[in-house]
Amino acid sequence: MAYEHEEGTASMFQNDYKEDGDKKPDYTGKGKVDGGLKNFALWKRETKDGKPMLFVKWSDPQDKFQPKKDKPSGNSPF
């Protein structure tokens, strides 16, 4: 049975693909917001005063197998 998040919770895991100097998140995971599953990304940062802080973003999951939308041709008036 798969784990199901309760509303307002998320699970974060260390990003093993992060390398020094890149912009990839330090941690990634999934959580439940407003009844829907979201992807989470977390970066460890510092304030201007040098205090540690955490910066978090969440987004709707992307279907990895969904075909990409066609870009409109240059002939479209829109």
N, C-alpha and C. Protein backbone atom coordinates (compact mmCIF):
# COMPACT_ATOMS: atom_id res chain seq x y z
N MET A 1 0.84 -1.18 0.00
CA MET A 1 0.00 0.00 0.00
C MET A 1 0.88 1.24 0.00
N ALA A 2 0.59 2.18 -0.88
CA ALA A 2 1.37 3.41 -1.00
C ALA A 2 1.05 4.35 0.16
N TYR A 3 2.04 5.14 0.54
CA TYR A 3 1.86 6.12 1.61
C TYR A 3 0.98 7.26 1.11
N GLU A 4 0.03 7.70 1.93
CA GLU A 4 -0.82 8.83 1.58
C GLU A 4 -0.60 9.96 2.58
N HIS A 5 -0.29 11.14 2.07
CA HIS A 5 -0.07 12.30 2.93
C HIS A 5 -1.39 12.82 3.49
N GLU A 6 -1.33 13.31 4.71
CA GLU A 6 -2.46 14.03 5.26
C GLU A 6 -2.41 15.46 4.73
N GLU A 7 -3.54 16.13 4.72
CA GLU A 7 -3.61 17.52 4.25
C GLU A 7 -2.61 18.39 5.01
N GLY A 8 -1.86 19.19 4.27
CA GLY A 8 -0.91 20.13 4.87
C GLY A 8 0.41 19.51 5.28
N THR A 9 0.70 18.28 4.81
CA THR A 9 1.97 17.65 5.15
C THR A 9 2.75 17.32 3.89
N ALA A 10 4.06 17.17 4.05
CA ALA A 10 4.94 16.80 2.93
C ALA A 10 6.09 15.97 3.47
N SER A 11 6.67 15.16 2.61
CA SER A 11 7.87 14.39 2.93
C SER A 11 8.99 14.86 2.01
N MET A 12 10.14 15.16 2.58
CA MET A 12 11.27 15.67 1.81
C MET A 12 12.44 14.70 1.93
N PHE A 13 13.18 14.53 0.83
CA PHE A 13 14.32 13.62 0.80
C PHE A 13 15.52 14.34 0.18
N GLN A 14 16.69 14.05 0.69
CA GLN A 14 17.91 14.68 0.18
C GLN A 14 18.07 14.37 -1.30
N ASN A 15 18.43 15.38 -2.08
CA ASN A 15 18.62 15.25 -3.51
C ASN A 15 20.03 14.73 -3.77
N ASP A 16 20.15 13.45 -4.11
CA ASP A 16 21.46 12.84 -4.35
C ASP A 16 22.09 13.28 -5.67
N TYR A 17 21.33 13.98 -6.52
CA TYR A 17 21.85 14.43 -7.82
C TYR A 17 22.40 15.86 -7.76
N LYS A 18 22.30 16.51 -6.62
CA LYS A 18 22.81 17.88 -6.48
C LYS A 18 24.32 17.85 -6.43
N GLU A 19 24.93 18.77 -7.16
CA GLU A 19 26.38 18.91 -7.16
C GLU A 19 26.73 20.31 -6.69
N ASP A 20 27.92 20.49 -6.16
CA ASP A 20 28.35 21.81 -5.69
C ASP A 20 28.22 22.84 -6.80
N GLY A 21 27.59 23.97 -6.46
CA GLY A 21 27.49 25.08 -7.40
C GLY A 21 26.28 25.05 -8.31
N ASP A 22 25.55 23.94 -8.39
CA ASP A 22 24.38 23.96 -9.28
C ASP A 22 23.15 24.48 -8.53
N LYS A 23 22.09 24.73 -9.27
CA LYS A 23 20.89 25.35 -8.69
C LYS A 23 19.81 24.33 -8.34
N LYS A 24 20.14 23.05 -8.39
CA LYS A 24 19.16 22.02 -8.05
C LYS A 24 18.80 22.13 -6.57
N PRO A 25 17.57 21.74 -6.21
CA PRO A 25 17.19 21.82 -4.80
C PRO A 25 18.01 20.85 -3.94
N ASP A 26 18.17 21.20 -2.67
CA ASP A 26 18.87 20.33 -1.73
C ASP A 26 18.01 19.14 -1.34
N TYR A 27 16.69 19.36 -1.29
CA TYR A 27 15.75 18.30 -0.95
C TYR A 27 14.56 18.38 -1.89
N THR A 28 13.95 17.24 -2.19
CA THR A 28 12.74 17.18 -3.00
C THR A 28 11.76 16.23 -2.33
N GLY A 29 10.49 16.35 -2.70
CA GLY A 29 9.49 15.45 -2.13
C GLY A 29 8.11 15.76 -2.63
N LYS A 30 7.14 15.17 -1.95
CA LYS A 30 5.73 15.35 -2.30
C LYS A 30 4.94 15.67 -1.05
N GLY A 31 3.81 16.35 -1.24
CA GLY A 31 2.93 16.69 -0.13
C GLY A 31 1.53 16.99 -0.62
N LYS A 32 0.63 17.18 0.33
CA LYS A 32 -0.77 17.41 -0.01
C LYS A 32 -1.17 18.83 0.40
N VAL A 33 -1.65 19.61 -0.59
CA VAL A 33 -2.09 21.00 -0.38
C VAL A 33 -3.45 21.16 -1.06
N ASP A 34 -4.43 21.67 -0.32
CA ASP A 34 -5.78 21.90 -0.86
C ASP A 34 -6.34 20.63 -1.53
N GLY A 35 -6.08 19.49 -0.93
CA GLY A 35 -6.63 18.23 -1.41
C GLY A 35 -5.89 17.59 -2.57
N GLY A 36 -4.85 18.25 -3.08
CA GLY A 36 -4.12 17.71 -4.23
C GLY A 36 -2.66 17.44 -3.91
N LEU A 37 -2.08 16.46 -4.58
CA LEU A 37 -0.68 16.13 -4.41
C LEU A 37 0.19 17.15 -5.14
N LYS A 38 1.23 17.63 -4.50
CA LYS A 38 2.14 18.63 -5.07
C LYS A 38 3.58 18.13 -4.97
N ASN A 39 4.43 18.60 -5.89
CA ASN A 39 5.87 18.37 -5.80
C ASN A 39 6.47 19.50 -4.98
N PHE A 40 7.42 19.16 -4.10
CA PHE A 40 8.09 20.15 -3.26
C PHE A 40 9.58 20.15 -3.56
N ALA A 41 10.18 21.34 -3.46
CA ALA A 41 11.63 21.50 -3.59
C ALA A 41 12.09 22.43 -2.49
N LEU A 42 13.22 22.13 -1.87
CA LEU A 42 13.72 22.92 -0.75
C LEU A 42 15.20 23.20 -0.94
N TRP A 43 15.57 24.46 -0.72
CA TRP A 43 16.97 24.87 -0.79
C TRP A 43 17.41 25.39 0.56
N LYS A 44 18.63 25.06 0.97
CA LYS A 44 19.22 25.64 2.18
C LYS A 44 19.92 26.92 1.75
N ARG A 45 19.58 28.03 2.40
CA ARG A 45 20.16 29.33 2.05
C ARG A 45 20.56 30.07 3.32
N GLU A 46 21.12 31.27 3.12
CA GLU A 46 21.46 32.15 4.24
C GLU A 46 20.84 33.51 3.99
N THR A 47 20.42 34.17 5.08
CA THR A 47 19.93 35.53 4.98
C THR A 47 21.12 36.46 4.75
N LYS A 48 20.85 37.73 4.50
CA LYS A 48 21.93 38.71 4.34
C LYS A 48 22.77 38.82 5.59
N ASP A 49 22.16 38.51 6.75
CA ASP A 49 22.89 38.54 8.02
C ASP A 49 23.65 37.26 8.30
N GLY A 50 23.59 36.30 7.38
CA GLY A 50 24.32 35.04 7.55
C GLY A 50 23.58 33.98 8.35
N LYS A 51 22.30 34.23 8.65
CA LYS A 51 21.52 33.24 9.40
C LYS A 51 21.00 32.18 8.43
N PRO A 52 21.01 30.90 8.84
CA PRO A 52 20.49 29.86 7.95
C PRO A 52 18.98 29.98 7.78
N MET A 53 18.50 29.67 6.58
CA MET A 53 17.07 29.67 6.30
C MET A 53 16.76 28.58 5.28
N LEU A 54 15.50 28.24 5.17
CA LEU A 54 15.05 27.26 4.18
C LEU A 54 14.09 27.94 3.22
N PHE A 55 14.28 27.71 1.92
CA PHE A 55 13.43 28.27 0.88
C PHE A 55 12.69 27.11 0.22
N VAL A 56 11.35 27.17 0.18
CA VAL A 56 10.54 26.06 -0.32
C VAL A 56 9.66 26.53 -1.47
N LYS A 57 9.55 25.67 -2.50
CA LYS A 57 8.62 25.88 -3.61
C LYS A 57 7.79 24.62 -3.77
N TRP A 58 6.53 24.79 -4.19
CA TRP A 58 5.75 23.62 -4.56
C TRP A 58 5.05 23.90 -5.87
N SER A 59 4.76 22.81 -6.60
CA SER A 59 4.14 22.94 -7.91
C SER A 59 3.29 21.70 -8.17
N ASP A 60 2.42 21.81 -9.17
CA ASP A 60 1.61 20.67 -9.57
C ASP A 60 2.52 19.62 -10.20
N PRO A 61 2.24 18.34 -9.97
CA PRO A 61 3.06 17.29 -10.60
C PRO A 61 2.94 17.34 -12.11
N GLN A 62 4.02 17.02 -12.78
CA GLN A 62 4.04 16.96 -14.24
C GLN A 62 3.94 15.51 -14.68
N ASP A 63 3.12 15.25 -15.68
CA ASP A 63 3.02 13.91 -16.23
C ASP A 63 4.21 13.70 -17.16
N LYS A 64 5.15 12.86 -16.74
CA LYS A 64 6.38 12.66 -17.52
C LYS A 64 6.11 12.03 -18.88
N PHE A 65 4.99 11.35 -19.04
CA PHE A 65 4.72 10.65 -20.29
C PHE A 65 3.71 11.37 -21.16
N GLN A 66 3.31 12.56 -20.74
CA GLN A 66 2.37 13.35 -21.53
C GLN A 66 3.11 14.01 -22.68
N PRO A 67 2.58 13.90 -23.90
CA PRO A 67 3.28 14.55 -25.03
C PRO A 67 3.31 16.06 -24.84
N LYS A 68 4.40 16.66 -25.28
CA LYS A 68 4.54 18.11 -25.19
C LYS A 68 3.57 18.78 -26.13
N LYS A 69 3.05 19.93 -25.71
CA LYS A 69 2.13 20.69 -26.57
C LYS A 69 2.92 21.26 -27.74
N ASP A 70 2.29 21.24 -28.90
CA ASP A 70 2.93 21.80 -30.09
C ASP A 70 3.04 23.30 -29.94
N LYS A 71 4.17 23.83 -30.33
CA LYS A 71 4.34 25.28 -30.34
C LYS A 71 3.65 25.82 -31.57
N PRO A 72 2.97 26.95 -31.44
CA PRO A 72 2.30 27.52 -32.62
C PRO A 72 3.34 27.93 -33.67
N SER A 73 2.95 27.77 -34.92
CA SER A 73 3.84 28.17 -36.01
C SER A 73 3.90 29.69 -36.10
N GLY A 74 4.88 30.20 -36.78
CA GLY A 74 5.04 31.63 -36.95
C GLY A 74 3.95 32.26 -37.80
N ASN A 75 3.09 31.45 -38.42
CA ASN A 75 2.04 31.96 -39.31
C ASN A 75 0.76 32.31 -38.56
N SER A 76 0.67 31.98 -37.28
CA SER A 76 -0.56 32.22 -36.53
C SER A 76 -0.69 33.70 -36.18
N PRO A 77 -1.91 34.27 -36.35
CA PRO A 77 -2.10 35.69 -35.99
C PRO A 77 -2.20 35.87 -34.48
N PHE A 78 -2.20 34.82 -33.67
CA PHE A 78 -2.37 34.94 -32.23
C PHE A 78 -1.08 34.65 -31.51
